[in-house]
PDB file of N, CA and C in Angstrom:
ATOM      1  N   MET A   1       0.848  -1.181   0.000  1.00  0.00           N
ATOM      2  CA  MET A   1       0.000   0.000   0.000  1.00  0.00           C
ATOM      3  C   MET A   1       0.893   1.244   0.000  1.00  0.00           C
ATOM      4  N   TYR A   2       0.516   2.233  -0.793  1.00  0.00           N
ATOM      5  CA  TYR A   2       1.271   3.469  -0.929  1.00  0.00           C
ATOM      6  C   TYR A   2       0.707   4.536   0.002  1.00  0.00           C
ATOM      7  N   LEU A   3       1.599   5.349   0.528  1.00  0.00           N
ATOM      8  CA  LEU A   3       1.217   6.466   1.388  1.00  0.00           C
ATOM      9  C   LEU A   3       0.911   7.671   0.508  1.00  0.00           C
ATOM     10  N   ILE A   4      -0.236   8.314   0.736  1.00  0.00           N
ATOM     11  CA  ILE A   4      -0.602   9.527   0.013  1.00  0.00           C
ATOM     12  C   ILE A   4      -0.019  10.719   0.767  1.00  0.00           C
ATOM     13  N   VAL A   5       0.773  11.541   0.067  1.00  0.00           N
ATOM     14  CA  VAL A   5       1.429  12.694   0.681  1.00  0.00           C
ATOM     15  C   VAL A   5       0.949  13.946  -0.052  1.00  0.00           C
ATOM     16  N   PRO A   6       0.058  14.718   0.570  1.00  0.00           N
ATOM     17  CA  PRO A   6      -0.426  15.925  -0.101  1.00  0.00           C
ATOM     18  C   PRO A   6       0.568  17.078   0.044  1.00  0.00           C
ATOM     19  N   ASP A   7       0.705  17.851  -1.006  1.00  0.00           N
ATOM     20  CA  ASP A   7       1.456  19.097  -0.966  1.00  0.00           C
ATOM     21  C   ASP A   7       0.570  20.116  -0.240  1.00  0.00           C
ATOM     22  N   PRO A   8       1.135  21.064   0.507  1.00  0.00           N
ATOM     23  CA  PRO A   8       0.273  22.049   1.199  1.00  0.00           C
ATOM     24  C   PRO A   8      -0.686  22.781   0.254  1.00  0.00           C
ATOM     25  N   ILE A   9      -0.271  23.039  -0.961  1.00  0.00           N
ATOM     26  CA  ILE A   9      -1.159  23.718  -1.909  1.00  0.00           C
ATOM     27  C   ILE A   9      -2.343  22.823  -2.278  1.00  0.00           C
ATOM     28  N   THR A  10      -2.095  21.523  -2.383  1.00  0.00           N
ATOM     29  CA  THR A  10      -3.208  20.629  -2.736  1.00  0.00           C
ATOM     30  C   THR A  10      -4.247  20.564  -1.625  1.00  0.00           C
ATOM     31  N   LEU A  11      -3.831  20.773  -0.394  1.00  0.00           N
ATOM     32  CA  LEU A  11      -4.812  20.784   0.693  1.00  0.00           C
ATOM     33  C   LEU A  11      -5.812  21.928   0.489  1.00  0.00           C
ATOM     34  N   ASP A  12      -5.326  23.081   0.045  1.00  0.00           N
ATOM     35  CA  ASP A  12      -6.220  24.198  -0.255  1.00  0.00           C
ATOM     36  C   ASP A  12      -7.111  23.876  -1.448  1.00  0.00           C
ATOM     37  N   GLN A  13      -6.557  23.193  -2.440  1.00  0.00           N
ATOM     38  CA  GLN A  13      -7.337  22.829  -3.618  1.00  0.00           C
ATOM     39  C   GLN A  13      -8.437  21.839  -3.257  1.00  0.00           C
ATOM     40  N   VAL A  14      -8.140  20.902  -2.378  1.00  0.00           N
ATOM     41  CA  VAL A  14      -9.159  19.943  -1.928  1.00  0.00           C
ATOM     42  C   VAL A  14     -10.240  20.669  -1.131  1.00  0.00           C
ATOM     43  N   ALA A  15      -9.843  21.616  -0.287  1.00  0.00           N
ATOM     44  CA  ALA A  15     -10.824  22.365   0.497  1.00  0.00           C
ATOM     45  C   ALA A  15     -11.780  23.147  -0.398  1.00  0.00           C
ATOM     46  N   ALA A  16     -11.336  23.496  -1.602  1.00  0.00           N
ATOM     47  CA  ALA A  16     -12.174  24.252  -2.532  1.00  0.00           C
ATOM     48  C   ALA A  16     -13.071  23.361  -3.395  1.00  0.00           C
ATOM     49  N   LEU A  17     -12.903  22.047  -3.312  1.00  0.00           N
ATOM     50  CA  LEU A  17     -13.752  21.150  -4.106  1.00  0.00           C
ATOM     51  C   LEU A  17     -15.202  21.266  -3.663  1.00  0.00           C
ATOM     52  N   PRO A  18     -16.135  21.156  -4.599  1.00  0.00           N
ATOM     53  CA  PRO A  18     -17.546  21.127  -4.198  1.00  0.00           C
ATOM     54  C   PRO A  18     -17.843  19.837  -3.435  1.00  0.00           C
ATOM     55  N   VAL A  19     -18.821  19.890  -2.589  1.00  0.00           N
ATOM     56  CA  VAL A  19     -19.196  18.736  -1.776  1.00  0.00           C
ATOM     57  C   VAL A  19     -19.467  17.522  -2.649  1.00  0.00           C
ATOM     58  N   THR A  20     -20.070  17.736  -3.800  1.00  0.00           N
ATOM     59  CA  THR A  20     -20.408  16.624  -4.691  1.00  0.00           C
ATOM     60  C   THR A  20     -19.164  15.922  -5.246  1.00  0.00           C
ATOM     61  N   ALA A  21     -18.017  16.563  -5.183  1.00  0.00           N
ATOM     62  CA  ALA A  21     -16.782  15.966  -5.710  1.00  0.00           C
ATOM     63  C   ALA A  21     -16.023  15.158  -4.663  1.00  0.00           C
ATOM     64  N   LEU A  22     -16.327  15.339  -3.400  1.00  0.00           N
ATOM     65  CA  LEU A  22     -15.511  14.740  -2.335  1.00  0.00           C
ATOM     66  C   LEU A  22     -15.519  13.217  -2.341  1.00  0.00           C
ATOM     67  N   LEU A  23     -16.643  12.598  -2.590  1.00  0.00           N
ATOM     68  CA  LEU A  23     -16.693  11.136  -2.641  1.00  0.00           C
ATOM     69  C   LEU A  23     -15.833  10.626  -3.802  1.00  0.00           C
ATOM     70  N   HIS A  24     -15.931  11.270  -4.940  1.00  0.00           N
ATOM     71  CA  HIS A  24     -15.120  10.873  -6.097  1.00  0.00           C
ATOM     72  C   HIS A  24     -13.631  11.049  -5.802  1.00  0.00           C
ATOM     73  N   TYR A  25     -13.287  12.124  -5.123  1.00  0.00           N
ATOM     74  CA  TYR A  25     -11.894  12.382  -4.744  1.00  0.00           C
ATOM     75  C   TYR A  25     -11.397  11.281  -3.802  1.00  0.00           C
ATOM     76  N   ALA A  26     -12.207  10.922  -2.820  1.00  0.00           N
ATOM     77  CA  ALA A  26     -11.837   9.865  -1.879  1.00  0.00           C
ATOM     78  C   ALA A  26     -11.637   8.530  -2.599  1.00  0.00           C
ATOM     79  N   GLU A  27     -12.490   8.237  -3.565  1.00  0.00           N
ATOM     80  CA  GLU A  27     -12.343   7.004  -4.343  1.00  0.00           C
ATOM     81  C   GLU A  27     -11.047   7.013  -5.146  1.00  0.00           C
ATOM     82  N   ALA A  28     -10.694   8.170  -5.701  1.00  0.00           N
ATOM     83  CA  ALA A  28      -9.445   8.287  -6.464  1.00  0.00           C
ATOM     84  C   ALA A  28      -8.245   8.046  -5.553  1.00  0.00           C
ATOM     85  N   LEU A  29      -8.279   8.583  -4.346  1.00  0.00           N
ATOM     86  CA  LEU A  29      -7.178   8.356  -3.400  1.00  0.00           C
ATOM     87  C   LEU A  29      -7.068   6.880  -3.024  1.00  0.00           C
ATOM     88  N   SER A  30      -8.202   6.225  -2.851  1.00  0.00           N
ATOM     89  CA  SER A  30      -8.190   4.795  -2.535  1.00  0.00           C
ATOM     90  C   SER A  30      -7.534   3.992  -3.651  1.00  0.00           C
ATOM     91  N   LEU A  31      -7.819   4.355  -4.894  1.00  0.00           N
ATOM     92  CA  LEU A  31      -7.184   3.687  -6.024  1.00  0.00           C
ATOM     93  C   LEU A  31      -5.673   3.929  -6.020  1.00  0.00           C
ATOM     94  N   LEU A  32      -5.262   5.169  -5.773  1.00  0.00           N
ATOM     95  CA  LEU A  32      -3.836   5.492  -5.781  1.00  0.00           C
ATOM     96  C   LEU A  32      -3.070   4.782  -4.673  1.00  0.00           C
ATOM     97  N   GLU A  33      -3.723   4.547  -3.545  1.00  0.00           N
ATOM     98  CA  GLU A  33      -3.064   3.802  -2.463  1.00  0.00           C
ATOM     99  C   GLU A  33      -2.682   2.398  -2.909  1.00  0.00           C
ATOM    100  N   LEU A  34      -3.475   1.809  -3.782  1.00  0.00           N
ATOM    101  CA  LEU A  34      -3.244   0.434  -4.215  1.00  0.00           C
ATOM    102  C   LEU A  34      -2.554   0.338  -5.580  1.00  0.00           C
ATOM    103  N   LYS A  35      -2.916   1.226  -6.495  1.00  0.00           N
ATOM    104  CA  LYS A  35      -2.412   1.144  -7.868  1.00  0.00           C
ATOM    105  C   LYS A  35      -2.024   2.537  -8.384  1.00  0.00           C
ATOM    106  N   PRO A  36      -0.931   3.087  -7.890  1.00  0.00           N
ATOM    107  CA  PRO A  36      -0.582   4.458  -8.284  1.00  0.00           C
ATOM    108  C   PRO A  36      -0.225   4.604  -9.755  1.00  0.00           C
ATOM    109  N   TRP A  37       0.142   3.531 -10.405  1.00  0.00           N
ATOM    110  CA  TRP A  37       0.492   3.611 -11.824  1.00  0.00           C
ATOM    111  C   TRP A  37      -0.737   3.541 -12.715  1.00  0.00           C
ATOM    112  N   ALA A  38      -1.931   3.508 -12.122  1.00  0.00           N
ATOM    113  CA  ALA A  38      -3.172   3.438 -12.893  1.00  0.00           C
ATOM    114  C   ALA A  38      -3.423   4.708 -13.698  1.00  0.00           C
ATOM    115  N   GLY A  39      -2.886   5.820 -13.255  1.00  0.00           N
ATOM    116  CA  GLY A  39      -3.072   7.074 -13.973  1.00  0.00           C
ATOM    117  C   GLY A  39      -2.226   7.125 -15.236  1.00  0.00           C
ATOM    118  N   GLU A  40      -2.582   8.046 -16.108  1.00  0.00           N
ATOM    119  CA  GLU A  40      -1.840   8.238 -17.345  1.00  0.00           C
ATOM    120  C   GLU A  40      -0.594   9.079 -17.075  1.00  0.00           C
ATOM    121  N   PRO A  41       0.436   8.918 -17.893  1.00  0.00           N
ATOM    122  CA  PRO A  41       1.614   9.773 -17.715  1.00  0.00           C
ATOM    123  C   PRO A  41       1.259  11.228 -18.018  1.00  0.00           C
ATOM    124  N   GLN A  42       1.774  12.137 -17.248  1.00  0.00           N
ATOM    125  CA  GLN A  42       1.539  13.560 -17.488  1.00  0.00           C
ATOM    126  C   GLN A  42       2.156  13.976 -18.824  1.00  0.00           C
ATOM    127  N   ASN A  43       3.300  13.394 -19.138  1.00  0.00           N
ATOM    128  CA  ASN A  43       3.986  13.668 -20.403  1.00  0.00           C
ATOM    129  C   ASN A  43       3.882  12.412 -21.265  1.00  0.00           C
ATOM    130  N   ARG A  44       3.088  12.459 -22.299  1.00  0.00           N
ATOM    131  CA  ARG A  44       2.881  11.273 -23.140  1.00  0.00           C
ATOM    132  C   ARG A  44       4.160  10.816 -23.824  1.00  0.00           C
ATOM    133  N   ALA A  45       5.123  11.711 -23.972  1.00  0.00           N
ATOM    134  CA  ALA A  45       6.407  11.334 -24.568  1.00  0.00           C
ATOM    135  C   ALA A  45       7.249  10.497 -23.606  1.00  0.00           C
ATOM    136  N   ASN A  46       6.844  10.447 -22.349  1.00  0.00           N
ATOM    137  CA  ASN A  46       7.546   9.675 -21.328  1.00  0.00           C
ATOM    138  C   ASN A  46       6.538   8.753 -20.634  1.00  0.00           C
ATOM    139  N   PRO A  47       6.114   7.672 -21.294  1.00  0.00           N
ATOM    140  CA  PRO A  47       5.038   6.832 -20.759  1.00  0.00           C
ATOM    141  C   PRO A  47       5.362   6.148 -19.433  1.00  0.00           C
ATOM    142  N   ASP A  48       6.637   6.017 -19.100  1.00  0.00           N
ATOM    143  CA  ASP A  48       7.015   5.405 -17.827  1.00  0.00           C
ATOM    144  C   ASP A  48       7.331   6.437 -16.758  1.00  0.00           C
ATOM    145  N   GLY A  49       7.059   7.695 -17.029  1.00  0.00           N
ATOM    146  CA  GLY A  49       7.374   8.774 -16.094  1.00  0.00           C
ATOM    147  C   GLY A  49       6.608   8.656 -14.797  1.00  0.00           C
ATOM    148  N   ALA A  50       7.222   9.155 -13.745  1.00  0.00           N
ATOM    149  CA  ALA A  50       6.639   9.059 -12.406  1.00  0.00           C
ATOM    150  C   ALA A  50       5.591  10.129 -12.136  1.00  0.00           C
ATOM    151  N   VAL A  51       5.530  11.182 -12.955  1.00  0.00           N
ATOM    152  CA  VAL A  51       4.477  12.187 -12.796  1.00  0.00           C
ATOM    153  C   VAL A  51       3.290  11.712 -13.626  1.00  0.00           C
ATOM    154  N   ARG A  52       2.166  11.512 -12.950  1.00  0.00           N
ATOM    155  CA  ARG A  52       0.984  10.911 -13.561  1.00  0.00           C
ATOM    156  C   ARG A  52      -0.221  11.815 -13.341  1.00  0.00           C
ATOM    157  N   ARG A  53      -1.299  11.492 -14.039  1.00  0.00           N
ATOM    158  CA  ARG A  53      -2.567  12.195 -13.805  1.00  0.00           C
ATOM    159  C   ARG A  53      -3.698  11.181 -13.843  1.00  0.00           C
ATOM    160  N   LEU A  54      -4.673  11.433 -13.022  1.00  0.00           N
ATOM    161  CA  LEU A  54      -5.818  10.539 -12.907  1.00  0.00           C
ATOM    162  C   LEU A  54      -7.085  11.382 -12.926  1.00  0.00           C
ATOM    163  N   LEU A  55      -7.970  11.078 -13.842  1.00  0.00           N
ATOM    164  CA  LEU A  55      -9.265  11.749 -13.890  1.00  0.00           C
ATOM    165  C   LEU A  55     -10.204  11.090 -12.885  1.00  0.00           C
ATOM    166  N   PHE A  56     -11.068  11.893 -12.274  1.00  0.00           N
ATOM    167  CA  PHE A  56     -12.053  11.346 -11.334  1.00  0.00           C
ATOM    168  C   PHE A  56     -13.334  12.153 -11.442  1.00  0.00           C
ATOM    169  N   GLY A  57     -14.389  11.584 -10.903  1.00  0.00           N
ATOM    170  CA  GLY A  57     -15.678  12.265 -10.912  1.00  0.00           C
ATOM    171  C   GLY A  57     -16.452  12.004 -12.187  1.00  0.00           C
ATOM    172  N   ALA A  58     -17.675  12.501 -12.199  1.00  0.00           N
ATOM    173  CA  ALA A  58     -18.547  12.336 -13.355  1.00  0.00           C
ATOM    174  C   ALA A  58     -17.928  13.003 -14.576  1.00  0.00           C
ATOM    175  N   HIS A  59     -17.815  12.255 -15.637  1.00  0.00           N
ATOM    176  CA  HIS A  59     -17.283  12.750 -16.911  1.00  0.00           C
ATOM    177  C   HIS A  59     -15.851  13.263 -16.792  1.00  0.00           C
ATOM    178  N   GLY A  60     -15.101  12.790 -15.780  1.00  0.00           N
ATOM    179  CA  GLY A  60     -13.704  13.200 -15.619  1.00  0.00           C
ATOM    180  C   GLY A  60     -13.544  14.663 -15.277  1.00  0.00           C
ATOM    181  N   ALA A  61     -14.489  15.220 -14.523  1.00  0.00           N
ATOM    182  CA  ALA A  61     -14.435  16.635 -14.171  1.00  0.00           C
ATOM    183  C   ALA A  61     -13.277  16.966 -13.238  1.00  0.00           C
ATOM    184  N   GLY A  62     -12.785  15.973 -12.513  1.00  0.00           N
ATOM    185  CA  GLY A  62     -11.666  16.189 -11.604  1.00  0.00           C
ATOM    186  C   GLY A  62     -10.392  15.572 -12.157  1.00  0.00           C
ATOM    187  N   GLN A  63      -9.279  16.152 -11.766  1.00  0.00           N
ATOM    188  CA  GLN A  63      -7.988  15.626 -12.192  1.00  0.00           C
ATOM    189  C   GLN A  63      -6.988  15.746 -11.046  1.00  0.00           C
ATOM    190  N   LEU A  64      -6.309  14.641 -10.789  1.00  0.00           N
ATOM    191  CA  LEU A  64      -5.209  14.626  -9.826  1.00  0.00           C
ATOM    192  C   LEU A  64      -3.908  14.524 -10.596  1.00  0.00           C
ATOM    193  N   VAL A  65      -2.956  15.372 -10.290  1.00  0.00           N
ATOM    194  CA  VAL A  65      -1.610  15.261 -10.834  1.00  0.00           C
ATOM    195  C   VAL A  65      -0.732  14.880  -9.649  1.00  0.00           C
ATOM    196  N   TYR A  66       0.066  13.836  -9.830  1.00  0.00           N
ATOM    197  CA  TYR A  66       0.815  13.293  -8.706  1.00  0.00           C
ATOM    198  C   TYR A  66       2.132  12.686  -9.158  1.00  0.00           C
ATOM    199  N   LEU A  67       3.004  12.475  -8.187  1.00  0.00           N
ATOM    200  CA  LEU A  67       4.316  11.890  -8.414  1.00  0.00           C
ATOM    201  C   LEU A  67       4.397  10.578  -7.652  1.00  0.00           C
ATOM    202  N   VAL A  68       4.773   9.509  -8.331  1.00  0.00           N
ATOM    203  CA  VAL A  68       4.964   8.213  -7.680  1.00  0.00           C
ATOM    204  C   VAL A  68       6.434   8.094  -7.289  1.00  0.00           C
ATOM    205  N   VAL A  69       6.667   7.918  -5.990  1.00  0.00           N
ATOM    206  CA  VAL A  69       8.025   7.694  -5.484  1.00  0.00           C
ATOM    207  C   VAL A  69       8.079   6.216  -5.096  1.00  0.00           C
ATOM    208  N   GLU A  70       8.460   5.411  -6.062  1.00  0.00           N
ATOM    209  CA  GLU A  70       8.356   3.957  -5.935  1.00  0.00           C
ATOM    210  C   GLU A  70       9.186   3.405  -4.787  1.00  0.00           C
ATOM    211  N   ASP A  71      10.418   3.852  -4.636  1.00  0.00           N
ATOM    212  CA  ASP A  71      11.291   3.259  -3.617  1.00  0.00           C
ATOM    213  C   ASP A  71      10.806   3.523  -2.189  1.00  0.00           C
ATOM    214  N   ARG A  72       9.977   4.559  -2.004  1.00  0.00           N
ATOM    215  CA  ARG A  72       9.408   4.833  -0.674  1.00  0.00           C
ATOM    216  C   ARG A  72       7.936   4.472  -0.602  1.00  0.00           C
ATOM    217  N   GLN A  73       7.384   3.965  -1.704  1.00  0.00           N
ATOM    218  CA  GLN A  73       5.963   3.632  -1.814  1.00  0.00           C
ATOM    219  C   GLN A  73       5.091   4.800  -1.354  1.00  0.00           C
ATOM    220  N   GLU A  74       5.350   5.947  -1.993  1.00  0.00           N
ATOM    221  CA  GLU A  74       4.602   7.169  -1.711  1.00  0.00           C
ATOM    222  C   GLU A  74       4.022   7.728  -3.001  1.00  0.00           C
ATOM    223  N   VAL A  75       2.889   8.397  -2.853  1.00  0.00           N
ATOM    224  CA  VAL A  75       2.252   9.141  -3.936  1.00  0.00           C
ATOM    225  C   VAL A  75       2.134  10.581  -3.441  1.00  0.00           C
ATOM    226  N   HIS A  76       2.865  11.485  -4.080  1.00  0.00           N
ATOM    227  CA  HIS A  76       2.849  12.897  -3.703  1.00  0.00           C
ATOM    228  C   HIS A  76       1.861  13.639  -4.593  1.00  0.00           C
ATOM    229  N   LEU A  77       0.821  14.184  -3.974  1.00  0.00           N
ATOM    230  CA  LEU A  77      -0.178  14.947  -4.720  1.00  0.00           C
ATOM    231  C   LEU A  77       0.406  16.311  -5.065  1.00  0.00           C
ATOM    232  N   LEU A  78       0.342  16.676  -6.338  1.00  0.00           N
ATOM    233  CA  LEU A  78       0.908  17.940  -6.801  1.00  0.00           C
ATOM    234  C   LEU A  78      -0.165  18.964  -7.149  1.00  0.00           C
ATOM    235  N   ARG A  79      -1.311  18.485  -7.630  1.00  0.00           N
ATOM    236  CA  ARG A  79      -2.374  19.394  -8.037  1.00  0.00           C
ATOM    237  C   ARG A  79      -3.699  18.645  -8.040  1.00  0.00           C
ATOM    238  N   VAL A  80      -4.749  19.330  -7.575  1.00  0.00           N
ATOM    239  CA  VAL A  80      -6.104  18.798  -7.615  1.00  0.00           C
ATOM    240  C   VAL A  80      -6.965  19.830  -8.340  1.00  0.00           C
ATOM    241  N   LEU A  81      -7.546  19.420  -9.447  1.00  0.00           N
ATOM    242  CA  LEU A  81      -8.361  20.320 -10.263  1.00  0.00           C
ATOM    243  C   LEU A  81      -9.799  19.813 -10.338  1.00  0.00           C
ATOM    244  N   TRP A  82     -10.728  20.728 -10.400  1.00  0.00           N
ATOM    245  CA  TRP A  82     -12.137  20.403 -10.621  1.00  0.00           C
ATOM    246  C   TRP A  82     -12.683  21.372 -11.655  1.00  0.00           C
ATOM    247  N   LEU A  83     -13.183  20.861 -12.750  1.00  0.00           N
ATOM    248  CA  LEU A  83     -13.581  21.702 -13.873  1.00  0.00           C
ATOM    249  C   LEU A  83     -15.088  21.763 -14.097  1.00  0.00           C
ATOM    250  N   ASP A  84     -15.850  21.258 -13.190  1.00  0.00           N
ATOM    251  CA  ASP A  84     -17.301  21.229 -13.382  1.00  0.00           C
ATOM    252  C   ASP A  84     -17.958  22.478 -12.860  1.00  0.00           C
TER     253      ASP A  84
END
């Protein structure tokens, strides 16, 4: 299981999420704890890159950008976006 490590800025971004997005966000974190490589690479030219993104919520309205630190089994949240 991977440890989720939020950046201080992402904590503010999560606090700004609408209530309707919170369950979807929690589900995305649960997935990242078990399968952090499930997200797409942030840079398609580097498909094995450790910076990834994962869409969440209805119609992919939310996006998590994160860094997988494999040797420490950590997922560092870099950005949380909600576009709905």
